[in-house]
């Protein structure tokens, strides 16, 4: 299974690596991770992450996250 196989409306837990690769120049893992993040942004998927993952991502790429910040959900 890959990210494109996830049906619309599915709930997923996102690990820090997805965000790292989504913003990286990795030719293999970057595109599918960006696609997943974009699907989440379009609300096709319901995403969850832990505070630990959020903290790791925030420390790894604060400038990139600030530029691409998604709206905070209530």
N, C-alpha and C. Protein backbone atom coordinates (compact mmCIF):
# COMPACT_ATOMS: atom_id res chain seq x y z
N UNK A 1 0.85 -1.18 0.00
CA UNK A 1 0.00 0.00 0.00
C UNK A 1 0.90 1.24 0.00
N UNK A 2 0.46 2.25 -0.72
CA UNK A 2 1.16 3.54 -0.68
C UNK A 2 0.13 4.63 -0.36
N UNK A 3 0.61 5.85 -0.25
CA UNK A 3 -0.26 6.94 0.17
C UNK A 3 -1.44 7.16 -0.79
N UNK A 4 -1.24 6.91 -2.07
CA UNK A 4 -2.33 7.11 -3.04
C UNK A 4 -3.44 6.10 -2.85
N UNK A 5 -3.14 4.97 -2.20
CA UNK A 5 -4.15 3.93 -1.97
C UNK A 5 -5.08 4.27 -0.82
N UNK A 6 -4.75 5.28 -0.04
CA UNK A 6 -5.60 5.64 1.09
C UNK A 6 -6.91 6.24 0.57
N UNK A 7 -8.04 5.65 0.96
CA UNK A 7 -9.33 6.19 0.49
C UNK A 7 -9.66 7.52 1.14
N UNK A 8 -10.38 8.34 0.43
CA UNK A 8 -10.80 9.63 0.96
C UNK A 8 -11.58 9.42 2.25
N UNK A 9 -11.32 10.27 3.23
CA UNK A 9 -12.00 10.18 4.52
C UNK A 9 -11.26 9.32 5.53
N UNK A 10 -10.20 8.64 5.11
CA UNK A 10 -9.42 7.79 6.00
C UNK A 10 -8.70 8.63 7.06
N UNK A 11 -8.54 8.09 8.25
CA UNK A 11 -7.77 8.73 9.32
C UNK A 11 -6.38 8.13 9.32
N UNK A 12 -5.37 8.99 9.43
CA UNK A 12 -3.99 8.52 9.40
C UNK A 12 -3.17 9.20 10.49
N UNK A 13 -2.20 8.46 11.04
CA UNK A 13 -1.24 9.04 11.97
C UNK A 13 -0.01 9.39 11.15
N UNK A 14 0.46 10.61 11.29
CA UNK A 14 1.59 11.08 10.51
C UNK A 14 2.84 11.14 11.39
N UNK A 15 3.91 10.51 10.92
CA UNK A 15 5.19 10.55 11.61
C UNK A 15 6.00 11.75 11.12
N UNK A 16 6.98 12.15 11.88
CA UNK A 16 7.81 13.30 11.52
C UNK A 16 8.49 13.13 10.17
N UNK A 17 8.86 11.91 9.82
CA UNK A 17 9.55 11.68 8.55
C UNK A 17 8.73 12.12 7.35
N UNK A 18 7.42 12.02 7.43
CA UNK A 18 6.57 12.44 6.31
C UNK A 18 6.78 13.93 6.05
N UNK A 19 6.81 14.73 7.09
CA UNK A 19 7.02 16.17 6.93
C UNK A 19 8.44 16.48 6.47
N UNK A 20 9.40 15.78 7.04
CA UNK A 20 10.80 16.01 6.65
C UNK A 20 10.97 15.74 5.16
N UNK A 21 10.47 14.61 4.68
CA UNK A 21 10.60 14.29 3.25
C UNK A 21 9.72 15.17 2.37
N UNK A 22 8.58 15.60 2.89
CA UNK A 22 7.70 16.46 2.10
C UNK A 22 8.39 17.77 1.73
N UNK A 23 9.27 18.25 2.60
CA UNK A 23 9.95 19.51 2.34
C UNK A 23 11.39 19.33 1.89
N UNK A 24 11.81 18.08 1.74
CA UNK A 24 13.19 17.79 1.32
C UNK A 24 13.26 17.65 -0.20
N UNK A 25 14.48 17.66 -0.69
CA UNK A 25 14.70 17.52 -2.13
C UNK A 25 14.93 16.06 -2.51
N UNK A 26 14.47 15.13 -1.69
CA UNK A 26 14.65 13.72 -1.98
C UNK A 26 13.80 13.31 -3.18
N UNK A 27 14.42 12.83 -4.27
CA UNK A 27 13.66 12.52 -5.48
C UNK A 27 12.75 11.31 -5.36
N UNK A 28 13.01 10.44 -4.39
CA UNK A 28 12.20 9.24 -4.24
C UNK A 28 11.07 9.42 -3.24
N UNK A 29 11.39 9.91 -2.06
CA UNK A 29 10.40 10.01 -0.99
C UNK A 29 9.71 11.37 -0.92
N UNK A 30 10.31 12.41 -1.48
CA UNK A 30 9.72 13.74 -1.44
C UNK A 30 8.35 13.83 -2.10
N UNK A 31 8.23 13.42 -3.36
CA UNK A 31 6.93 13.57 -4.04
C UNK A 31 5.76 12.84 -3.37
N UNK A 32 5.89 11.57 -2.97
CA UNK A 32 4.73 10.95 -2.32
C UNK A 32 4.39 11.59 -0.97
N UNK A 33 5.40 12.04 -0.24
CA UNK A 33 5.12 12.70 1.05
C UNK A 33 4.45 14.04 0.82
N UNK A 34 4.88 14.80 -0.20
CA UNK A 34 4.21 16.07 -0.53
C UNK A 34 2.77 15.81 -0.95
N UNK A 35 2.54 14.77 -1.73
CA UNK A 35 1.18 14.43 -2.14
C UNK A 35 0.30 14.14 -0.92
N UNK A 36 0.85 13.40 0.05
CA UNK A 36 0.09 13.08 1.25
C UNK A 36 -0.24 14.35 2.03
N UNK A 37 0.73 15.22 2.22
CA UNK A 37 0.49 16.48 2.94
C UNK A 37 -0.54 17.33 2.20
N UNK A 38 -0.47 17.35 0.88
CA UNK A 38 -1.44 18.11 0.09
C UNK A 38 -2.84 17.53 0.24
N UNK A 39 -2.97 16.20 0.24
CA UNK A 39 -4.28 15.56 0.43
C UNK A 39 -4.85 15.92 1.80
N UNK A 40 -3.99 15.97 2.80
CA UNK A 40 -4.44 16.36 4.14
C UNK A 40 -4.90 17.82 4.11
N UNK A 41 -4.15 18.68 3.43
CA UNK A 41 -4.52 20.09 3.32
C UNK A 41 -5.85 20.30 2.61
N UNK A 42 -6.17 19.41 1.67
CA UNK A 42 -7.46 19.49 0.95
C UNK A 42 -8.57 18.80 1.72
N UNK A 43 -8.24 18.28 2.92
CA UNK A 43 -9.19 17.59 3.81
C UNK A 43 -9.74 16.31 3.20
N UNK A 44 -8.94 15.69 2.32
CA UNK A 44 -9.31 14.38 1.79
C UNK A 44 -9.03 13.30 2.82
N UNK A 45 -8.07 13.56 3.70
CA UNK A 45 -7.69 12.63 4.75
C UNK A 45 -7.72 13.37 6.08
N UNK A 46 -8.02 12.63 7.15
CA UNK A 46 -7.98 13.21 8.49
C UNK A 46 -6.68 12.76 9.14
N UNK A 47 -5.83 13.72 9.45
CA UNK A 47 -4.49 13.39 9.96
C UNK A 47 -4.37 13.68 11.45
N UNK A 48 -3.59 12.83 12.09
CA UNK A 48 -3.28 12.99 13.50
C UNK A 48 -1.77 12.90 13.67
N UNK A 49 -1.25 13.63 14.64
CA UNK A 49 0.15 13.50 14.99
C UNK A 49 0.27 13.77 16.48
N UNK A 50 1.31 13.23 17.06
CA UNK A 50 1.52 13.41 18.49
C UNK A 50 2.26 14.71 18.75
N UNK A 51 2.25 15.14 19.99
CA UNK A 51 3.00 16.34 20.34
C UNK A 51 4.49 16.10 20.14
N UNK A 52 4.93 14.87 20.33
CA UNK A 52 6.33 14.53 20.10
C UNK A 52 6.70 14.70 18.63
N UNK A 53 5.85 14.24 17.74
CA UNK A 53 6.09 14.40 16.30
C UNK A 53 6.08 15.88 15.94
N UNK A 54 5.11 16.61 16.43
CA UNK A 54 5.03 18.04 16.15
C UNK A 54 6.31 18.74 16.60
N UNK A 55 6.78 18.40 17.80
CA UNK A 55 7.99 19.01 18.33
C UNK A 55 9.20 18.70 17.46
N UNK A 56 9.33 17.45 17.01
CA UNK A 56 10.46 17.07 16.15
C UNK A 56 10.42 17.81 14.83
N UNK A 57 9.24 17.90 14.25
CA UNK A 57 9.11 18.59 12.96
C UNK A 57 9.41 20.07 13.13
N UNK A 58 8.91 20.64 14.20
CA UNK A 58 9.13 22.06 14.46
C UNK A 58 10.61 22.36 14.62
N UNK A 59 11.35 21.49 15.29
CA UNK A 59 12.79 21.69 15.46
C UNK A 59 13.55 21.43 14.17
N UNK A 60 13.07 20.51 13.34
CA UNK A 60 13.80 20.13 12.13
C UNK A 60 13.70 21.17 11.03
N UNK A 61 12.55 21.83 10.91
CA UNK A 61 12.36 22.75 9.78
C UNK A 61 11.47 23.92 10.14
N UNK A 62 11.86 24.74 11.11
CA UNK A 62 10.97 25.84 11.51
C UNK A 62 10.70 26.85 10.40
N UNK A 63 11.67 27.15 9.58
CA UNK A 63 11.46 28.12 8.50
C UNK A 63 10.51 27.57 7.46
N UNK A 64 10.69 26.32 7.09
CA UNK A 64 9.82 25.71 6.08
C UNK A 64 8.39 25.60 6.59
N UNK A 65 8.23 25.22 7.85
CA UNK A 65 6.88 25.10 8.40
C UNK A 65 6.19 26.45 8.48
N UNK A 66 6.91 27.49 8.83
CA UNK A 66 6.32 28.83 8.91
C UNK A 66 5.82 29.27 7.54
N UNK A 67 6.56 28.93 6.50
CA UNK A 67 6.19 29.34 5.15
C UNK A 67 5.01 28.54 4.62
N UNK A 68 4.84 27.33 5.12
CA UNK A 68 3.80 26.43 4.60
C UNK A 68 2.78 26.06 5.67
N UNK A 69 2.64 26.87 6.66
CA UNK A 69 1.78 26.52 7.79
C UNK A 69 0.34 26.32 7.36
N UNK A 70 -0.23 25.22 7.84
CA UNK A 70 -1.63 24.93 7.61
C UNK A 70 -2.44 25.62 8.71
N UNK A 71 -3.70 25.91 8.45
CA UNK A 71 -4.51 26.52 9.49
C UNK A 71 -4.66 25.58 10.68
N UNK A 72 -4.72 26.14 11.86
CA UNK A 72 -4.89 25.35 13.07
C UNK A 72 -6.37 25.01 13.19
N UNK A 73 -6.65 23.73 13.41
CA UNK A 73 -8.04 23.28 13.53
C UNK A 73 -8.51 23.47 14.97
N UNK A 74 -9.77 23.80 15.15
CA UNK A 74 -10.29 24.00 16.51
C UNK A 74 -10.32 22.71 17.31
